[in-house]
C-alpha atoms as a PDB file:
ATOM      1  CA  MET A   1      -0.063  -0.065   0.101  1.00  0.00           C
ATOM      2  CA  ASN A   2       1.589   3.464  -1.153  1.00  0.00           C
ATOM      3  CA  LEU A   3       1.268   6.240   1.578  1.00  0.00           C
ATOM      4  CA  SER A   4       1.123   8.669  -1.063  1.00  0.00           C
ATOM      5  CA  ASP A   5      -1.832   7.034  -2.472  1.00  0.00           C
ATOM      6  CA  VAL A   6      -3.758   6.897   0.923  1.00  0.00           C
ATOM      7  CA  ALA A   7      -2.987  10.571   1.277  1.00  0.00           C
ATOM      8  CA  LEU A   8      -4.343  11.184  -1.937  1.00  0.00           C
ATOM      9  CA  PHE A   9      -7.480   9.265  -0.736  1.00  0.00           C
ATOM     10  CA  VAL A  10      -8.232  11.283   2.130  1.00  0.00           C
ATOM     11  CA  ALA A  11      -7.499  14.197   0.003  1.00  0.00           C
ATOM     12  CA  ALA A  12     -10.249  13.207  -2.249  1.00  0.00           C
ATOM     13  CA  THR A  13     -12.859  12.533   0.453  1.00  0.00           C
ATOM     14  CA  GLU A  14     -12.315  15.837   1.904  1.00  0.00           C
ATOM     15  CA  ALA A  15     -12.041  18.009  -1.539  1.00  0.00           C
ATOM     16  CA  GLY A  16     -14.853  16.231  -2.826  1.00  0.00           C
ATOM     17  CA  SER A  17     -13.671  15.465  -6.119  1.00  0.00           C
ATOM     18  CA  LEU A  18     -10.238  14.119  -7.660  1.00  0.00           C
ATOM     19  CA  ALA A  19      -9.537  17.532  -9.361  1.00  0.00           C
ATOM     20  CA  GLY A  20      -9.387  19.009  -6.029  1.00  0.00           C
ATOM     21  CA  ALA A  21      -7.148  16.292  -4.316  1.00  0.00           C
ATOM     22  CA  ALA A  22      -4.736  16.615  -7.389  1.00  0.00           C
ATOM     23  CA  ARG A  23      -4.590  20.322  -7.093  1.00  0.00           C
ATOM     24  CA  ARG A  24      -3.751  19.823  -3.208  1.00  0.00           C
ATOM     25  CA  SER A  25      -1.129  17.160  -4.382  1.00  0.00           C
ATOM     26  CA  GLY A  26       0.448  19.082  -7.094  1.00  0.00           C
ATOM     27  CA  THR A  27      -0.310  16.596  -9.500  1.00  0.00           C
ATOM     28  CA  SER A  28      -2.581  16.261 -12.479  1.00  0.00           C
ATOM     29  CA  ALA A  29      -6.404  15.000 -12.314  1.00  0.00           C
ATOM     30  CA  LEU A  30      -5.622  11.965 -14.741  1.00  0.00           C
ATOM     31  CA  GLN A  31      -2.420  10.994 -12.474  1.00  0.00           C
ATOM     32  CA  ALA A  32      -4.588  11.122  -9.427  1.00  0.00           C
ATOM     33  CA  SER A  33      -7.186   8.970 -10.997  1.00  0.00           C
ATOM     34  CA  ARG A  34      -4.555   6.535 -12.024  1.00  0.00           C
ATOM     35  CA  ARG A  35      -3.264   6.632  -8.390  1.00  0.00           C
ATOM     36  CA  ILE A  36      -6.597   5.828  -6.872  1.00  0.00           C
ATOM     37  CA  ALA A  37      -7.276   3.019  -9.321  1.00  0.00           C
ATOM     38  CA  ALA A  38      -3.909   1.526  -8.298  1.00  0.00           C
ATOM     39  CA  LEU A  39      -4.761   1.743  -4.463  1.00  0.00           C
ATOM     40  CA  GLU A  40      -8.077   0.409  -5.390  1.00  0.00           C
ATOM     41  CA  GLN A  41      -6.478  -2.760  -6.929  1.00  0.00           C
ATOM     42  CA  ASP A  42      -3.816  -3.211  -4.168  1.00  0.00           C
ATOM     43  CA  MET A  43      -6.773  -3.335  -1.796  1.00  0.00           C
ATOM     44  CA  GLY A  44      -9.014  -5.446  -4.170  1.00  0.00           C
ATOM     45  CA  ILE A  45     -11.997  -3.108  -3.356  1.00  0.00           C
ATOM     46  CA  ARG A  46     -13.765  -0.117  -5.185  1.00  0.00           C
ATOM     47  CA  LEU A  47     -13.337   3.170  -2.849  1.00  0.00           C
ATOM     48  CA  PHE A  48     -15.426   5.557  -5.074  1.00  0.00           C
ATOM     49  CA  HIS A  49     -18.445   5.857  -7.097  1.00  0.00           C
ATOM     50  CA  ARG A  50     -17.368   8.177  -9.917  1.00  0.00           C
ATOM     51  CA  THR A  51     -19.490   9.924 -12.443  1.00  0.00           C
ATOM     52  CA  THR A  52     -18.718  13.217 -14.423  1.00  0.00           C
ATOM     53  CA  ARG A  53     -20.182  15.190 -11.867  1.00  0.00           C
ATOM     54  CA  ALA A  54     -20.014  13.359  -8.461  1.00  0.00           C
ATOM     55  CA  LEU A  55     -17.224  11.260  -6.534  1.00  0.00           C
ATOM     56  CA  THR A  56     -18.948   9.398  -3.587  1.00  0.00           C
ATOM     57  CA  LEU A  57     -17.799   6.925  -1.081  1.00  0.00           C
ATOM     58  CA  THR A  58     -18.572   3.354  -1.620  1.00  0.00           C
ATOM     59  CA  ASP A  59     -19.648   1.244   1.369  1.00  0.00           C
ATOM     60  CA  GLU A  60     -15.815  -0.035   1.618  1.00  0.00           C
ATOM     61  CA  GLY A  61     -14.793   3.559   0.950  1.00  0.00           C
ATOM     62  CA  GLU A  62     -16.624   4.372   4.182  1.00  0.00           C
ATOM     63  CA  ARG A  63     -15.235   1.945   6.234  1.00  0.00           C
ATOM     64  CA  PHE A  64     -11.583   2.404   4.940  1.00  0.00           C
ATOM     65  CA  LEU A  65     -11.691   6.135   5.438  1.00  0.00           C
ATOM     66  CA  PRO A  66     -11.186   6.468   9.158  1.00  0.00           C
ATOM     67  CA  TYR A  67      -8.153   3.951   8.921  1.00  0.00           C
ATOM     68  CA  ALA A  68      -6.818   5.715   6.089  1.00  0.00           C
ATOM     69  CA  ARG A  69      -6.578   8.800   8.451  1.00  0.00           C
ATOM     70  CA  THR A  70      -5.266   7.003  11.266  1.00  0.00           C
ATOM     71  CA  ILE A  71      -2.353   5.643   8.865  1.00  0.00           C
ATOM     72  CA  MET A  72      -1.649   9.234   7.822  1.00  0.00           C
ATOM     73  CA  ASP A  73      -1.515  10.490  11.416  1.00  0.00           C
ATOM     74  CA  ALA A  74       0.668   7.393  12.319  1.00  0.00           C
ATOM     75  CA  HIS A  75       2.709   8.612   9.537  1.00  0.00           C
ATOM     76  CA  ILE A  76       3.063  12.264  10.407  1.00  0.00           C
ATOM     77  CA  GLU A  77       3.834  11.217  14.206  1.00  0.00           C
ATOM     78  CA  ALA A  78       6.415   8.436  13.138  1.00  0.00           C
ATOM     79  CA  ARG A  79       8.007  11.500  11.175  1.00  0.00           C
ATOM     80  CA  ALA A  80       7.985  13.994  14.128  1.00  0.00           C
ATOM     81  CA  ALA A  81       9.364  11.490  16.496  1.00  0.00           C
ATOM     82  CA  LEU A  82      12.444  10.852  14.223  1.00  0.00           C
ATOM     83  CA  GLY A  83      12.889  14.411  13.829  1.00  0.00           C
ATOM     84  CA  VAL A  84      11.933  14.414  10.053  1.00  0.00           C
ATOM     85  CA  GLU A  85       9.789  17.514  10.687  1.00  0.00           C
ATOM     86  CA  SER A  86      10.378  20.873  12.046  1.00  0.00           C
ATOM     87  CA  GLY A  87       8.177  19.766  15.384  1.00  0.00           C
ATOM     88  CA  GLN A  88       5.340  21.960  14.447  1.00  0.00           C
ATOM     89  CA  VAL A  89       1.753  20.113  14.805  1.00  0.00           C
ATOM     90  CA  THR A  90       0.385  19.490  11.288  1.00  0.00           C
ATOM     91  CA  GLY A  91      -2.667  17.806   9.732  1.00  0.00           C
ATOM     92  CA  THR A  92      -6.490  18.129  10.675  1.00  0.00           C
ATOM     93  CA  LEU A  93      -7.688  17.914  13.970  1.00  0.00           C
ATOM     94  CA  ARG A  94     -10.927  16.241  13.977  1.00  0.00           C
ATOM     95  CA  LEU A  95     -13.177  16.873  16.938  1.00  0.00           C
ATOM     96  CA  THR A  96     -16.934  17.139  18.214  1.00  0.00           C
ATOM     97  CA  ALA A  97     -18.811  18.933  21.300  1.00  0.00           C
ATOM     98  CA  SER A  98     -22.127  19.695  22.226  1.00  0.00           C
ATOM     99  CA  LEU A  99     -23.887  22.697  20.546  1.00  0.00           C
ATOM    100  CA  ALA A 100     -23.877  24.905  23.459  1.00  0.00           C
ATOM    101  CA  PHE A 101     -20.377  24.133  25.020  1.00  0.00           C
ATOM    102  CA  GLY A 102     -18.863  23.906  21.664  1.00  0.00           C
ATOM    103  CA  ARG A 103     -20.204  27.184  20.580  1.00  0.00           C
ATOM    104  CA  LYS A 104     -19.392  29.074  23.949  1.00  0.00           C
ATOM    105  CA  VAL A 105     -16.173  27.065  25.058  1.00  0.00           C
ATOM    106  CA  VAL A 106     -14.586  25.052  22.510  1.00  0.00           C
ATOM    107  CA  THR A 107     -14.779  27.362  19.396  1.00  0.00           C
ATOM    108  CA  PRO A 108     -12.988  30.342  20.994  1.00  0.00           C
ATOM    109  CA  ALA A 109     -10.520  27.775  22.611  1.00  0.00           C
ATOM    110  CA  LEU A 110      -9.774  26.406  19.297  1.00  0.00           C
ATOM    111  CA  ILE A 111      -9.228  29.571  17.589  1.00  0.00           C
ATOM    112  CA  ASP A 112      -6.490  30.548  20.037  1.00  0.00           C
ATOM    113  CA  PHE A 113      -5.015  27.317  19.600  1.00  0.00           C
ATOM    114  CA  LEU A 114      -4.847  27.500  15.742  1.00  0.00           C
ATOM    115  CA  LYS A 115      -2.793  30.511  16.426  1.00  0.00           C
ATOM    116  CA  LEU A 116      -0.064  28.660  18.464  1.00  0.00           C
ATOM    117  CA  HIS A 117       0.011  26.164  15.708  1.00  0.00           C
ATOM    118  CA  PRO A 118      -0.198  27.840  12.104  1.00  0.00           C
ATOM    119  CA  GLN A 119       0.151  24.582  10.270  1.00  0.00           C
ATOM    120  CA  LEU A 120      -2.821  23.048  12.057  1.00  0.00           C
ATOM    121  CA  GLU A 121      -6.236  22.640  10.273  1.00  0.00           C
ATOM    122  CA  VAL A 122      -9.337  21.838  12.619  1.00  0.00           C
ATOM    123  CA  ASN A 123     -12.728  20.355  11.753  1.00  0.00           C
ATOM    124  CA  LEU A 124     -15.565  21.050  14.444  1.00  0.00           C
ATOM    125  CA  VAL A 125     -18.472  19.085  14.526  1.00  0.00           C
ATOM    126  CA  LEU A 126     -21.125  20.225  17.178  1.00  0.00           C
ATOM    127  CA  SER A 127     -23.915  18.154  18.076  1.00  0.00           C
ATOM    128  CA  ASP A 128     -26.042  17.310  20.798  1.00  0.00           C
ATOM    129  CA  HIS A 129     -25.982  13.707  19.710  1.00  0.00           C
ATOM    130  CA  VAL A 130     -23.082  11.343  21.114  1.00  0.00           C
ATOM    131  CA  LEU A 131     -21.423  10.462  17.895  1.00  0.00           C
ATOM    132  CA  ASP A 132     -19.598   7.376  16.932  1.00  0.00           C
ATOM    133  CA  LEU A 133     -15.544   8.681  16.968  1.00  0.00           C
ATOM    134  CA  VAL A 134     -14.441   5.768  14.852  1.00  0.00           C
ATOM    135  CA  ALA A 135     -17.265   5.526  12.179  1.00  0.00           C
ATOM    136  CA  GLN A 136     -17.260   9.673  11.832  1.00  0.00           C
ATOM    137  CA  GLY A 137     -13.512   9.448  11.912  1.00  0.00           C
ATOM    138  CA  LEU A 138     -13.032  12.030  14.737  1.00  0.00           C
ATOM    139  CA  ASP A 139      -9.926  12.196  16.797  1.00  0.00           C
ATOM    140  CA  LEU A 140     -11.796  13.067  20.002  1.00  0.00           C
ATOM    141  CA  ALA A 141     -14.726  14.569  21.596  1.00  0.00           C
ATOM    142  CA  ILE A 142     -14.973  17.019  24.534  1.00  0.00           C
ATOM    143  CA  ARG A 143     -17.798  15.873  26.843  1.00  0.00           C
ATOM    144  CA  VAL A 144     -19.987  17.616  29.696  1.00  0.00           C
ATOM    145  CA  THR A 145     -21.029  14.274  31.447  1.00  0.00           C
ATOM    146  CA  SER A 146     -21.302  12.265  34.764  1.00  0.00           C
ATOM    147  CA  ARG A 147     -20.303   9.220  33.551  1.00  0.00           C
ATOM    148  CA  LEU A 148     -18.628   7.580  30.352  1.00  0.00           C
ATOM    149  CA  ARG A 149     -20.785   5.351  28.433  1.00  0.00           C
ATOM    150  CA  ASP A 150     -18.670   3.593  26.032  1.00  0.00           C
ATOM    151  CA  SER A 151     -16.070   1.631  28.059  1.00  0.00           C
ATOM    152  CA  SER A 152     -14.254   1.121  24.956  1.00  0.00           C
ATOM    153  CA  LEU A 153     -13.121   4.712  24.819  1.00  0.00           C
ATOM    154  CA  VAL A 154     -10.420   6.415  26.974  1.00  0.00           C
ATOM    155  CA  ALA A 155     -11.460   9.464  28.641  1.00  0.00           C
ATOM    156  CA  ARG A 156      -9.341  12.417  30.321  1.00  0.00           C
ATOM    157  CA  ARG A 157     -10.825  14.635  32.898  1.00  0.00           C
ATOM    158  CA  LEU A 158     -10.335  18.116  31.911  1.00  0.00           C
ATOM    159  CA  ALA A 159     -11.958  19.855  34.636  1.00  0.00           C
ATOM    160  CA  ASP A 160     -14.824  20.022  36.916  1.00  0.00           C
ATOM    161  CA  ASN A 161     -18.262  21.367  35.649  1.00  0.00           C
ATOM    162  CA  PRO A 162     -20.125  23.126  38.441  1.00  0.00           C
ATOM    163  CA  ARG A 163     -24.094  23.918  37.807  1.00  0.00           C
ATOM    164  CA  GLY A 164     -26.794  25.279  39.517  1.00  0.00           C
ATOM    165  CA  LEU A 165     -30.107  26.417  39.283  1.00  0.00           C
ATOM    166  CA  TYR A 166     -31.120  29.508  37.992  1.00  0.00           C
ATOM    167  CA  ALA A 167     -34.293  31.785  36.837  1.00  0.00           C
ATOM    168  CA  ALA A 168     -35.258  35.223  35.188  1.00  0.00           C
ATOM    169  CA  PRO A 169     -36.081  37.804  37.786  1.00  0.00           C
ATOM    170  CA  SER A 170     -39.456  38.163  36.069  1.00  0.00           C
ATOM    171  CA  TYR A 171     -40.315  34.181  37.012  1.00  0.00           C
ATOM    172  CA  VAL A 172     -39.246  34.736  40.633  1.00  0.00           C
ATOM    173  CA  ALA A 173     -41.337  37.698  40.898  1.00  0.00           C
ATOM    174  CA  ALA A 174     -44.366  36.054  39.538  1.00  0.00           C
ATOM    175  CA  ALA A 175     -43.860  32.461  40.937  1.00  0.00           C
ATOM    176  CA  GLY A 176     -41.518  33.128  44.023  1.00  0.00           C
ATOM    177  CA  MET A 177     -38.439  31.551  45.111  1.00  0.00           C
ATOM    178  CA  PRO A 178     -38.358  27.801  46.190  1.00  0.00           C
ATOM    179  CA  GLN A 179     -36.678  27.361  49.315  1.00  0.00           C
ATOM    180  CA  SER A 180     -36.456  23.353  49.318  1.00  0.00           C
ATOM    181  CA  LEU A 181     -36.076  20.828  46.704  1.00  0.00           C
ATOM    182  CA  ALA A 182     -39.617  19.564  47.624  1.00  0.00           C
ATOM    183  CA  GLU A 183     -40.953  23.102  46.550  1.00  0.00           C
ATOM    184  CA  LEU A 184     -39.474  22.343  42.864  1.00  0.00           C
ATOM    185  CA  ALA A 185     -42.327  20.163  42.085  1.00  0.00           C
ATOM    186  CA  THR A 186     -44.655  23.284  42.449  1.00  0.00           C
ATOM    187  CA  HIS A 187     -42.654  25.191  39.826  1.00  0.00           C
ATOM    188  CA  ASP A 188     -42.430  25.467  36.579  1.00  0.00           C
ATOM    189  CA  CYS A 189     -38.880  23.569  35.667  1.00  0.00           C
ATOM    190  CA  LEU A 190     -37.288  23.438  32.172  1.00  0.00           C
ATOM    191  CA  PRO A 191     -35.941  19.655  31.735  1.00  0.00           C
ATOM    192  CA  ASP A 192     -33.612  18.493  29.320  1.00  0.00           C
ATOM    193  CA  GLY A 193     -35.843  16.212  26.959  1.00  0.00           C
ATOM    194  CA  SER A 194     -37.827  13.743  28.578  1.00  0.00           C
ATOM    195  CA  THR A 195     -36.404  13.979  32.022  1.00  0.00           C
ATOM    196  CA  THR A 196     -38.743  13.831  35.000  1.00  0.00           C
ATOM    197  CA  PHE A 197     -36.397  14.305  37.931  1.00  0.00           C
ATOM    198  CA  TRP A 198     -33.253  16.400  38.754  1.00  0.00           C
ATOM    199  CA  THR A 199     -30.221  14.367  40.814  1.00  0.00           C
ATOM    200  CA  PHE A 200     -28.804  16.337  43.858  1.00  0.00           C
ATOM    201  CA  ARG A 201     -26.386  15.720  46.437  1.00  0.00           C
ATOM    202  CA  THR A 202     -27.405  16.495  50.111  1.00  0.00           C
ATOM    203  CA  GLY A 203     -24.736  15.254  52.439  1.00  0.00           C
ATOM    204  CA  ASP A 204     -23.604  12.127  51.593  1.00  0.00           C
ATOM    205  CA  ARG A 205     -27.036  11.082  50.039  1.00  0.00           C
ATOM    206  CA  THR A 206     -28.146  11.445  46.433  1.00  0.00           C
ATOM    207  CA  ILE A 207     -31.599  12.408  46.243  1.00  0.00           C
ATOM    208  CA  ARG A 208     -33.934  12.451  42.726  1.00  0.00           C
ATOM    209  CA  GLN A 209     -36.327  15.129  43.018  1.00  0.00           C
ATOM    210  CA  LYS A 210     -39.499  14.905  40.549  1.00  0.00           C
ATOM    211  CA  ILE A 211     -39.731  18.099  38.565  1.00  0.00           C
ATOM    212  CA  GLY A 212     -42.387  19.464  35.916  1.00  0.00           C
ATOM    213  CA  GLY A 213     -43.137  22.143  33.481  1.00  0.00           C
ATOM    214  CA  ARG A 214     -44.888  23.108  30.314  1.00  0.00           C
ATOM    215  CA  LEU A 215     -41.723  23.188  28.058  1.00  0.00           C
ATOM    216  CA  SER A 216     -39.194  20.547  27.395  1.00  0.00           C
ATOM    217  CA  THR A 217     -36.206  20.034  24.989  1.00  0.00           C
ATOM    218  CA  HIS A 218     -33.333  18.275  24.429  1.00  0.00           C
ATOM    219  CA  SER A 219     -31.527  21.689  23.380  1.00  0.00           C
ATOM    220  CA  ILE A 220     -29.338  23.139  26.404  1.00  0.00           C
ATOM    221  CA  ASP A 221     -29.399  26.468  24.183  1.00  0.00           C
ATOM    222  CA  ALA A 222     -33.418  26.311  24.233  1.00  0.00           C
ATOM    223  CA  ILE A 223     -33.668  25.665  27.843  1.00  0.00           C
ATOM    224  CA  HIS A 224     -31.140  28.367  28.074  1.00  0.00           C
ATOM    225  CA  GLN A 225     -33.023  31.189  26.197  1.00  0.00           C
ATOM    226  CA  ALA A 226     -36.421  30.188  27.785  1.00  0.00           C
ATOM    227  CA  CYS A 227     -34.861  30.631  31.148  1.00  0.00           C
ATOM    228  CA  VAL A 228     -34.024  34.078  30.152  1.00  0.00           C
ATOM    229  CA  GLU A 229     -37.230  34.681  29.008  1.00  0.00           C
ATOM    230  CA  GLY A 230     -38.950  33.618  32.364  1.00  0.00           C
ATOM    231  CA  ALA A 231     -40.493  30.348  31.485  1.00  0.00           C
ATOM    232  CA  GLY A 232     -39.223  28.631  34.533  1.00  0.00           C
ATOM    233  CA  ILE A 233     -36.123  27.375  36.268  1.00  0.00           C
ATOM    234  CA  ALA A 234     -33.647  25.533  34.629  1.00  0.00           C
ATOM    235  CA  LEU A 235     -30.383  23.583  35.604  1.00  0.00           C
ATOM    236  CA  LEU A 236     -27.323  25.058  33.866  1.00  0.00           C
ATOM    237  CA  SER A 237     -23.705  25.059  33.731  1.00  0.00           C
ATOM    238  CA  GLU A 238     -21.822  27.985  35.292  1.00  0.00           C
ATOM    239  CA  TRP A 239     -19.828  28.393  32.047  1.00  0.00           C
ATOM    240  CA  ASP A 240     -23.243  28.763  30.134  1.00  0.00           C
ATOM    241  CA  VAL A 241     -24.796  31.643  32.410  1.00  0.00           C
ATOM    242  CA  LYS A 242     -21.928  33.831  33.700  1.00  0.00           C
ATOM    243  CA  GLU A 243     -22.703  36.635  31.097  1.00  0.00           C
ATOM    244  CA  ASP A 244     -26.380  36.665  32.176  1.00  0.00           C
ATOM    245  CA  LEU A 245     -25.699  36.547  35.932  1.00  0.00           C
ATOM    246  CA  ALA A 246     -23.446  39.681  35.202  1.00  0.00           C
ATOM    247  CA  SER A 247     -25.932  41.359  33.540  1.00  0.00           C
ATOM    248  CA  GLY A 248     -28.855  40.732  35.602  1.00  0.00           C
ATOM    249  CA  LYS A 249     -30.774  38.598  32.982  1.00  0.00           C
ATOM    250  CA  LEU A 250     -30.713  35.416  35.227  1.00  0.00           C
ATOM    251  CA  ILE A 251     -30.424  35.065  39.095  1.00  0.00           C
ATOM    252  CA  PRO A 252     -29.092  31.870  41.302  1.00  0.00           C
ATOM    253  CA  VAL A 253     -31.893  29.771  42.704  1.00  0.00           C
ATOM    254  CA  PRO A 254     -30.390  28.317  45.950  1.00  0.00           C
ATOM    255  CA  ILE A 255     -31.719  25.323  47.540  1.00  0.00           C
ATOM    256  CA  ALA A 256     -30.428  24.771  51.571  1.00  0.00           C
ATOM    257  CA  ASN A 257     -28.484  22.191  52.147  1.00  0.00           C
ATOM    258  CA  ALA A 258     -28.549  20.369  48.372  1.00  0.00           C
ATOM    259  CA  LYS A 259     -26.402  20.899  45.135  1.00  0.00           C
ATOM    260  CA  PRO A 260     -26.722  19.646  41.682  1.00  0.00           C
ATOM    261  CA  GLU A 261     -25.057  16.347  41.078  1.00  0.00           C
ATOM    262  CA  PRO A 262     -21.602  17.198  39.880  1.00  0.00           C
ATOM    263  CA  MET A 263     -20.595  16.863  36.503  1.00  0.00           C
ATOM    264  CA  VAL A 264     -16.979  16.854  34.906  1.00  0.00           C
ATOM    265  CA  ILE A 265     -15.566  18.066  31.222  1.00  0.00           C
ATOM    266  CA  MET A 266     -13.776  15.174  29.394  1.00  0.00           C
ATOM    267  CA  ALA A 267     -11.748  14.635  26.746  1.00  0.00           C
ATOM    268  CA  VAL A 268     -12.684  11.292  24.982  1.00  0.00           C
ATOM    269  CA  TYR A 269     -10.757   9.475  22.540  1.00  0.00           C
ATOM    270  CA  PRO A 270     -10.828   5.822  20.683  1.00  0.00           C
ATOM    271  CA  SER A 271      -7.465   4.922  22.219  1.00  0.00           C
ATOM    272  CA  ALA A 272      -4.461   5.945  24.128  1.00  0.00           C
ATOM    273  CA  HIS A 273      -1.951   3.963  21.900  1.00  0.00           C
ATOM    274  CA  LEU A 274       0.288   6.235  19.821  1.00  0.00           C
ATOM    275  CA  LEU A 275      -2.002   9.366  20.680  1.00  0.00           C
ATOM    276  CA  PRO A 276      -1.139  12.205  17.861  1.00  0.00           C
ATOM    277  CA  SER A 277       0.562  15.171  19.263  1.00  0.00           C
ATOM    278  CA  LYS A 278      -2.066  17.326  17.679  1.00  0.00           C
ATOM    279  CA  VAL A 279      -4.476  15.358  19.952  1.00  0.00           C
ATOM    280  CA  ARG A 280      -2.263  15.177  23.052  1.00  0.00           C
ATOM    281  CA  LEU A 281      -1.602  18.901  22.678  1.00  0.00           C
ATOM    282  CA  PHE A 282      -5.110  20.253  22.463  1.00  0.00           C
ATOM    283  CA  ILE A 283      -5.965  18.135  25.409  1.00  0.00           C
ATOM    284  CA  ASP A 284      -3.246  19.393  27.730  1.00  0.00           C
ATOM    285  CA  TYR A 285      -4.027  23.169  26.231  1.00  0.00           C
ATOM    286  CA  MET A 286      -8.346  22.710  27.329  1.00  0.00           C
ATOM    287  CA  ARG A 287      -6.986  21.378  30.740  1.00  0.00           C
ATOM    288  CA  SER A 288      -4.781  24.123  31.182  1.00  0.00           C
ATOM    289  CA  ARG A 289      -7.275  26.804  29.844  1.00  0.00           C
ATOM    290  CA  LEU A 290     -10.380  25.445  31.833  1.00  0.00           C
ATOM    291  CA  SER A 291      -8.281  25.626  35.019  1.00  0.00           C
ATOM    292  CA  LEU A 292      -7.931  29.597  34.939  1.00  0.00           C
END
């Protein structure tokens, strides 16, 4: 298997055409087509469906793509380890994060990280769904969670993720301020999706407090906005409400002797074996940034 042909295959999938991949590789479209054909013959599979207007991956090509990216990352890592490269981080860092956290925290961090590494490119996928890192060809995910669901992945803790209850002053003026967990059941709360309870720690005990409300959604951004508009009480992360607290759009809803179940911010990646330097450096950068 020729590494330059594998690199051309990856470039073609990213460019969406052999002509685009050829321009990136400094070769002709005809030569690029011949090299992809040679790679297909070497592997005994067809990687692309080709028409005069489109270039799409076959099922085999879809399955090969994450492995091809891993091969190229390992090649770059090997050259760097042997002193072949200048020491600068290169290639493309592919990562995912939730919509709200990705927009408010991860994206500003990535912009500053790119300034430190001018030869690096980043592809950020924002989604509130938990994506399959291997199937999607992603290097890592930054997740806010209380537990890691997939035991086949490697997780590294980056920082705590403090949360609290918040409401708009207009809501508190109309409905009052709850003083206990039990009183939450009488208020309009803004649950995440189909959740019917919030989990709290009181002393060394964990309590599930039943909640209800007329609006529920799987979008943290929507919950946040509804809370600002006075629709109810929301359970939100500190990073998500910092500006609203400063401006007075939201106020804390403290509950005596009870705190929301703690969560953490994690970097999650498929394997700790031969972790690419671009991934390791970004994890270290995020851990340092979140500790400030």
